[in-house]
Amino acid sequence: MEITFANRRLRRQLESEREIMKAFGERGRKLMRRLAVLQAAATLADVPATPPERRHQLSGDMAGCFAVDITANWRLVFRPAHDPVPTLPDGGIDLTKVTAVEIVEIVDYH
C-alpha cells in the first residue's frame, strides 16, 4: 500500500529507523513493524483487524480515520488517501479499494 504523511515532521520522523527510534524510543520497534504491515498490504482490508495490529475505524472527532495498535494506549492513526474515499452502498468505507493511506499522527488518545 502507498503511504504518505500529513506533514513534513511526520515524514522526517518516520523515514528511517534511526529517526523513528530517536522520536519514539521504546515504541519505535513496534511502530516500524506496523509501518511494514501497512506497506506490505495491497489494500486496507489486508491489514489484520486482530492483535497485534488490530486495525480499527475511529469515530467522533477522528471519524474517517483508522488506527493500528503500537503499544498499550499508543496508536498509529491514518486515513484513506483517496479523493473521493471509496465507499460501499451502505455508506461505509470499502476497505478492499483503499490502496493508499496518509499517516496523520502517532498518539496516546486514551
N, C-alpha and C. Protein backbone atom coordinates (compact mmCIF):
# COMPACT_ATOMS: atom_id res chain seq x y z
N MET A 1 0.85 -1.17 0.00
CA MET A 1 0.00 0.00 0.00
C MET A 1 0.90 1.24 0.00
N GLU A 2 0.45 2.26 -0.67
CA GLU A 2 1.19 3.52 -0.71
C GLU A 2 0.96 4.28 0.59
N ILE A 3 2.02 4.83 1.16
CA ILE A 3 1.93 5.59 2.41
C ILE A 3 2.44 7.00 2.19
N THR A 4 1.64 7.98 2.60
CA THR A 4 2.05 9.38 2.58
C THR A 4 1.90 9.91 4.01
N PHE A 5 2.31 11.14 4.21
CA PHE A 5 2.32 11.71 5.56
C PHE A 5 1.58 13.04 5.58
N ALA A 6 0.91 13.32 6.68
CA ALA A 6 0.12 14.54 6.82
C ALA A 6 0.98 15.80 6.85
N ASN A 7 2.24 15.66 7.28
CA ASN A 7 3.13 16.83 7.35
C ASN A 7 4.59 16.40 7.25
N ARG A 8 5.46 17.38 7.07
CA ARG A 8 6.90 17.11 6.92
C ARG A 8 7.51 16.54 8.19
N ARG A 9 7.04 16.99 9.32
CA ARG A 9 7.58 16.49 10.60
C ARG A 9 7.40 14.98 10.71
N LEU A 10 6.18 14.49 10.40
CA LEU A 10 5.93 13.05 10.44
C LEU A 10 6.79 12.32 9.43
N ARG A 11 6.89 12.86 8.23
CA ARG A 11 7.72 12.23 7.20
C ARG A 11 9.15 12.08 7.69
N ARG A 12 9.70 13.13 8.28
CA ARG A 12 11.07 13.10 8.77
C ARG A 12 11.22 12.08 9.89
N GLN A 13 10.27 12.06 10.82
CA GLN A 13 10.34 11.14 11.95
C GLN A 13 10.24 9.68 11.52
N LEU A 14 9.51 9.41 10.44
CA LEU A 14 9.24 8.03 10.04
C LEU A 14 10.03 7.56 8.82
N GLU A 15 10.96 8.36 8.32
CA GLU A 15 11.66 7.99 7.10
C GLU A 15 12.82 7.02 7.30
N SER A 16 13.32 6.88 8.53
CA SER A 16 14.43 5.95 8.76
C SER A 16 14.33 5.34 10.15
N GLU A 17 14.96 4.19 10.31
CA GLU A 17 14.96 3.52 11.61
C GLU A 17 15.57 4.42 12.68
N ARG A 18 16.63 5.09 12.33
CA ARG A 18 17.31 5.98 13.29
C ARG A 18 16.37 7.09 13.78
N GLU A 19 15.67 7.72 12.85
CA GLU A 19 14.75 8.81 13.22
C GLU A 19 13.56 8.30 14.02
N ILE A 20 13.06 7.11 13.67
CA ILE A 20 11.94 6.51 14.42
C ILE A 20 12.37 6.26 15.86
N MET A 21 13.54 5.66 16.05
CA MET A 21 14.00 5.36 17.41
C MET A 21 14.26 6.64 18.19
N LYS A 22 14.78 7.65 17.53
CA LYS A 22 15.05 8.93 18.17
C LYS A 22 13.74 9.60 18.62
N ALA A 23 12.73 9.57 17.77
CA ALA A 23 11.47 10.24 18.06
C ALA A 23 10.55 9.46 18.99
N PHE A 24 10.58 8.11 18.91
CA PHE A 24 9.60 7.32 19.62
C PHE A 24 10.17 6.34 20.64
N GLY A 25 11.48 6.31 20.80
CA GLY A 25 12.11 5.49 21.83
C GLY A 25 11.68 4.05 21.78
N GLU A 26 11.26 3.53 22.93
CA GLU A 26 10.92 2.12 23.06
C GLU A 26 9.77 1.68 22.16
N ARG A 27 8.89 2.58 21.78
CA ARG A 27 7.79 2.25 20.87
C ARG A 27 8.26 2.13 19.42
N GLY A 28 9.46 2.57 19.13
CA GLY A 28 9.97 2.62 17.77
C GLY A 28 9.97 1.30 17.03
N ARG A 29 10.39 0.23 17.67
CA ARG A 29 10.46 -1.08 17.01
C ARG A 29 9.07 -1.56 16.58
N LYS A 30 8.10 -1.45 17.49
CA LYS A 30 6.74 -1.88 17.14
C LYS A 30 6.14 -0.97 16.08
N LEU A 31 6.45 0.30 16.14
CA LEU A 31 5.98 1.24 15.13
C LEU A 31 6.52 0.85 13.75
N MET A 32 7.79 0.48 13.68
CA MET A 32 8.38 0.04 12.41
C MET A 32 7.67 -1.21 11.88
N ARG A 33 7.29 -2.12 12.77
CA ARG A 33 6.57 -3.33 12.35
C ARG A 33 5.20 -2.98 11.78
N ARG A 34 4.51 -2.04 12.44
CA ARG A 34 3.18 -1.64 11.95
C ARG A 34 3.29 -0.95 10.59
N LEU A 35 4.30 -0.11 10.41
CA LEU A 35 4.51 0.53 9.12
C LEU A 35 4.81 -0.51 8.04
N ALA A 36 5.58 -1.53 8.38
CA ALA A 36 5.90 -2.61 7.43
C ALA A 36 4.64 -3.36 7.03
N VAL A 37 3.74 -3.60 7.98
CA VAL A 37 2.48 -4.28 7.67
C VAL A 37 1.65 -3.44 6.70
N LEU A 38 1.58 -2.13 6.95
CA LEU A 38 0.83 -1.25 6.05
C LEU A 38 1.45 -1.24 4.65
N GLN A 39 2.78 -1.16 4.57
CA GLN A 39 3.46 -1.14 3.28
C GLN A 39 3.26 -2.45 2.51
N ALA A 40 3.24 -3.56 3.21
CA ALA A 40 3.13 -4.88 2.57
C ALA A 40 1.70 -5.19 2.12
N ALA A 41 0.71 -4.55 2.73
CA ALA A 41 -0.68 -4.82 2.39
C ALA A 41 -1.03 -4.23 1.03
N ALA A 42 -1.77 -4.99 0.24
CA ALA A 42 -2.23 -4.47 -1.06
C ALA A 42 -3.37 -3.49 -0.86
N THR A 43 -4.25 -3.78 0.10
CA THR A 43 -5.38 -2.91 0.41
C THR A 43 -5.53 -2.83 1.93
N LEU A 44 -6.34 -1.91 2.39
CA LEU A 44 -6.57 -1.77 3.82
C LEU A 44 -7.24 -3.01 4.41
N ALA A 45 -7.99 -3.73 3.60
CA ALA A 45 -8.63 -4.96 4.05
C ALA A 45 -7.60 -6.02 4.42
N ASP A 46 -6.39 -5.92 3.88
CA ASP A 46 -5.33 -6.90 4.17
C ASP A 46 -4.61 -6.64 5.49
N VAL A 47 -4.88 -5.51 6.13
CA VAL A 47 -4.27 -5.20 7.42
C VAL A 47 -5.12 -5.88 8.49
N PRO A 48 -4.54 -6.75 9.30
CA PRO A 48 -5.32 -7.53 10.27
C PRO A 48 -6.11 -6.67 11.26
N ALA A 49 -7.36 -7.10 11.49
CA ALA A 49 -8.21 -6.44 12.48
C ALA A 49 -8.05 -7.11 13.86
N THR A 50 -7.17 -8.10 13.90
CA THR A 50 -6.90 -8.81 15.16
C THR A 50 -5.53 -8.39 15.69
N PRO A 51 -5.30 -8.57 16.99
CA PRO A 51 -3.97 -8.22 17.55
C PRO A 51 -2.88 -9.05 16.87
N PRO A 52 -1.68 -8.52 16.73
CA PRO A 52 -1.18 -7.32 17.37
C PRO A 52 -1.52 -6.02 16.64
N GLU A 53 -1.83 -6.05 15.34
CA GLU A 53 -2.09 -4.79 14.63
C GLU A 53 -3.42 -4.17 15.06
N ARG A 54 -4.46 -4.95 15.04
CA ARG A 54 -5.81 -4.52 15.43
C ARG A 54 -6.25 -3.24 14.71
N ARG A 55 -6.37 -3.36 13.38
CA ARG A 55 -6.87 -2.22 12.60
C ARG A 55 -8.31 -1.93 13.02
N HIS A 56 -8.59 -0.69 13.32
CA HIS A 56 -9.95 -0.32 13.71
C HIS A 56 -10.29 1.09 13.23
N GLN A 57 -11.56 1.28 12.92
CA GLN A 57 -12.02 2.58 12.45
C GLN A 57 -12.33 3.45 13.67
N LEU A 58 -12.01 4.72 13.56
CA LEU A 58 -12.23 5.66 14.66
C LEU A 58 -13.53 6.42 14.44
N SER A 59 -14.02 7.02 15.51
CA SER A 59 -15.27 7.77 15.44
C SER A 59 -15.09 9.12 16.13
N GLY A 60 -16.16 9.86 16.25
CA GLY A 60 -16.10 11.16 16.91
C GLY A 60 -15.29 12.16 16.12
N ASP A 61 -14.37 12.86 16.79
CA ASP A 61 -13.53 13.86 16.14
C ASP A 61 -12.61 13.24 15.09
N MET A 62 -12.38 11.94 15.19
CA MET A 62 -11.46 11.26 14.27
C MET A 62 -12.20 10.39 13.26
N ALA A 63 -13.48 10.67 13.04
CA ALA A 63 -14.27 9.91 12.08
C ALA A 63 -13.60 9.95 10.71
N GLY A 64 -13.61 8.81 10.04
CA GLY A 64 -12.97 8.71 8.73
C GLY A 64 -11.53 8.23 8.81
N CYS A 65 -10.99 8.18 10.02
CA CYS A 65 -9.63 7.70 10.24
C CYS A 65 -9.65 6.27 10.76
N PHE A 66 -8.51 5.62 10.65
CA PHE A 66 -8.30 4.28 11.18
C PHE A 66 -7.07 4.33 12.06
N ALA A 67 -6.89 3.29 12.87
CA ALA A 67 -5.70 3.19 13.70
C ALA A 67 -5.27 1.74 13.81
N VAL A 68 -3.99 1.55 14.09
CA VAL A 68 -3.46 0.24 14.47
C VAL A 68 -2.73 0.44 15.79
N ASP A 69 -2.75 -0.59 16.61
CA ASP A 69 -2.08 -0.53 17.92
C ASP A 69 -0.57 -0.54 17.76
N ILE A 70 0.09 0.24 18.60
CA ILE A 70 1.55 0.19 18.69
C ILE A 70 1.89 -0.50 20.01
N THR A 71 1.60 0.16 21.11
CA THR A 71 1.75 -0.42 22.45
C THR A 71 0.65 0.14 23.33
N ALA A 72 0.24 -0.63 24.31
CA ALA A 72 -0.76 -0.20 25.31
C ALA A 72 -1.75 0.80 24.71
N ASN A 73 -1.64 2.08 25.04
CA ASN A 73 -2.58 3.09 24.57
C ASN A 73 -2.14 3.82 23.31
N TRP A 74 -0.95 3.54 22.81
CA TRP A 74 -0.41 4.27 21.65
C TRP A 74 -0.92 3.69 20.35
N ARG A 75 -1.31 4.58 19.42
CA ARG A 75 -1.86 4.18 18.13
C ARG A 75 -1.19 4.94 16.98
N LEU A 76 -1.10 4.27 15.84
CA LEU A 76 -0.69 4.87 14.59
C LEU A 76 -1.99 5.19 13.86
N VAL A 77 -2.28 6.47 13.67
CA VAL A 77 -3.55 6.92 13.10
C VAL A 77 -3.33 7.32 11.64
N PHE A 78 -4.22 6.86 10.77
CA PHE A 78 -4.12 7.16 9.34
C PHE A 78 -5.50 7.25 8.73
N ARG A 79 -5.56 7.81 7.53
CA ARG A 79 -6.83 7.91 6.81
C ARG A 79 -6.59 7.50 5.35
N PRO A 80 -7.66 7.06 4.69
CA PRO A 80 -7.52 6.71 3.27
C PRO A 80 -7.06 7.94 2.48
N ALA A 81 -6.10 7.75 1.60
CA ALA A 81 -5.56 8.85 0.79
C ALA A 81 -6.17 8.78 -0.61
N HIS A 82 -7.48 8.82 -0.66
CA HIS A 82 -8.22 8.78 -1.92
C HIS A 82 -9.20 9.95 -1.94
N ASP A 83 -9.42 10.50 -3.12
CA ASP A 83 -10.40 11.56 -3.24
C ASP A 83 -11.25 11.28 -4.48
N PRO A 84 -12.44 10.80 -4.32
CA PRO A 84 -13.16 10.54 -3.07
C PRO A 84 -12.76 9.20 -2.47
N VAL A 85 -13.06 9.04 -1.19
CA VAL A 85 -12.79 7.79 -0.49
C VAL A 85 -13.77 6.74 -1.02
N PRO A 86 -13.29 5.54 -1.40
CA PRO A 86 -14.18 4.50 -1.92
C PRO A 86 -15.18 4.06 -0.85
N THR A 87 -16.45 4.01 -1.23
CA THR A 87 -17.48 3.65 -0.25
C THR A 87 -18.29 2.45 -0.72
N LEU A 88 -18.94 1.84 0.24
CA LEU A 88 -19.86 0.73 -0.01
C LEU A 88 -21.26 1.31 -0.22
N PRO A 89 -22.20 0.52 -0.72
CA PRO A 89 -23.56 1.02 -0.91
C PRO A 89 -24.21 1.55 0.38
N ASP A 90 -23.81 0.98 1.53
CA ASP A 90 -24.38 1.45 2.80
C ASP A 90 -23.69 2.70 3.34
N GLY A 91 -22.69 3.22 2.62
CA GLY A 91 -22.01 4.44 3.03
C GLY A 91 -20.70 4.22 3.76
N GLY A 92 -20.42 2.98 4.16
CA GLY A 92 -19.16 2.67 4.84
C GLY A 92 -17.99 2.71 3.87
N ILE A 93 -16.79 2.72 4.41
CA ILE A 93 -15.59 2.74 3.58
C ILE A 93 -15.31 1.35 3.04
N ASP A 94 -15.04 1.24 1.73
CA ASP A 94 -14.73 -0.03 1.10
C ASP A 94 -13.24 -0.32 1.27
N LEU A 95 -12.91 -1.11 2.29
CA LEU A 95 -11.52 -1.40 2.63
C LEU A 95 -10.77 -2.11 1.50
N THR A 96 -11.49 -2.85 0.67
CA THR A 96 -10.84 -3.58 -0.42
C THR A 96 -10.38 -2.67 -1.55
N LYS A 97 -10.82 -1.41 -1.54
CA LYS A 97 -10.42 -0.47 -2.58
C LYS A 97 -9.49 0.63 -2.08
N VAL A 98 -9.18 0.60 -0.78
CA VAL A 98 -8.25 1.59 -0.22
C VAL A 98 -6.84 1.06 -0.43
N THR A 99 -6.10 1.69 -1.35
CA THR A 99 -4.75 1.24 -1.69
C THR A 99 -3.68 2.25 -1.29
N ALA A 100 -4.10 3.35 -0.65
CA ALA A 100 -3.16 4.38 -0.20
C ALA A 100 -3.69 4.99 1.08
N VAL A 101 -2.78 5.23 2.02
CA VAL A 101 -3.17 5.86 3.28
C VAL A 101 -2.23 7.02 3.59
N GLU A 102 -2.74 7.95 4.37
CA GLU A 102 -1.94 9.08 4.83
C GLU A 102 -1.81 8.97 6.35
N ILE A 103 -0.59 8.90 6.85
CA ILE A 103 -0.33 8.85 8.28
C ILE A 103 -0.67 10.22 8.85
N VAL A 104 -1.54 10.25 9.86
CA VAL A 104 -1.99 11.51 10.46
C VAL A 104 -1.21 11.82 11.73
N GLU A 105 -1.04 10.81 12.60
CA GLU A 105 -0.33 11.02 13.85
C GLU A 105 -0.04 9.70 14.55
N ILE A 106 0.88 9.77 15.50
CA ILE A 106 1.14 8.68 16.43
C ILE A 106 0.79 9.27 17.78
N VAL A 107 -0.20 8.68 18.45
CA VAL A 107 -0.76 9.34 19.61
C VAL A 107 -1.26 8.35 20.66
N ASP A 108 -1.26 8.81 21.91
CA ASP A 108 -1.94 8.11 23.00
C ASP A 108 -3.24 8.87 23.18
N TYR A 109 -4.32 8.41 22.56
CA TYR A 109 -5.58 9.14 22.61
C TYR A 109 -6.53 8.63 23.68
N HIS A 110 -6.05 7.82 24.58
CA HIS A 110 -6.90 7.32 25.67
C HIS A 110 -6.78 8.21 26.88
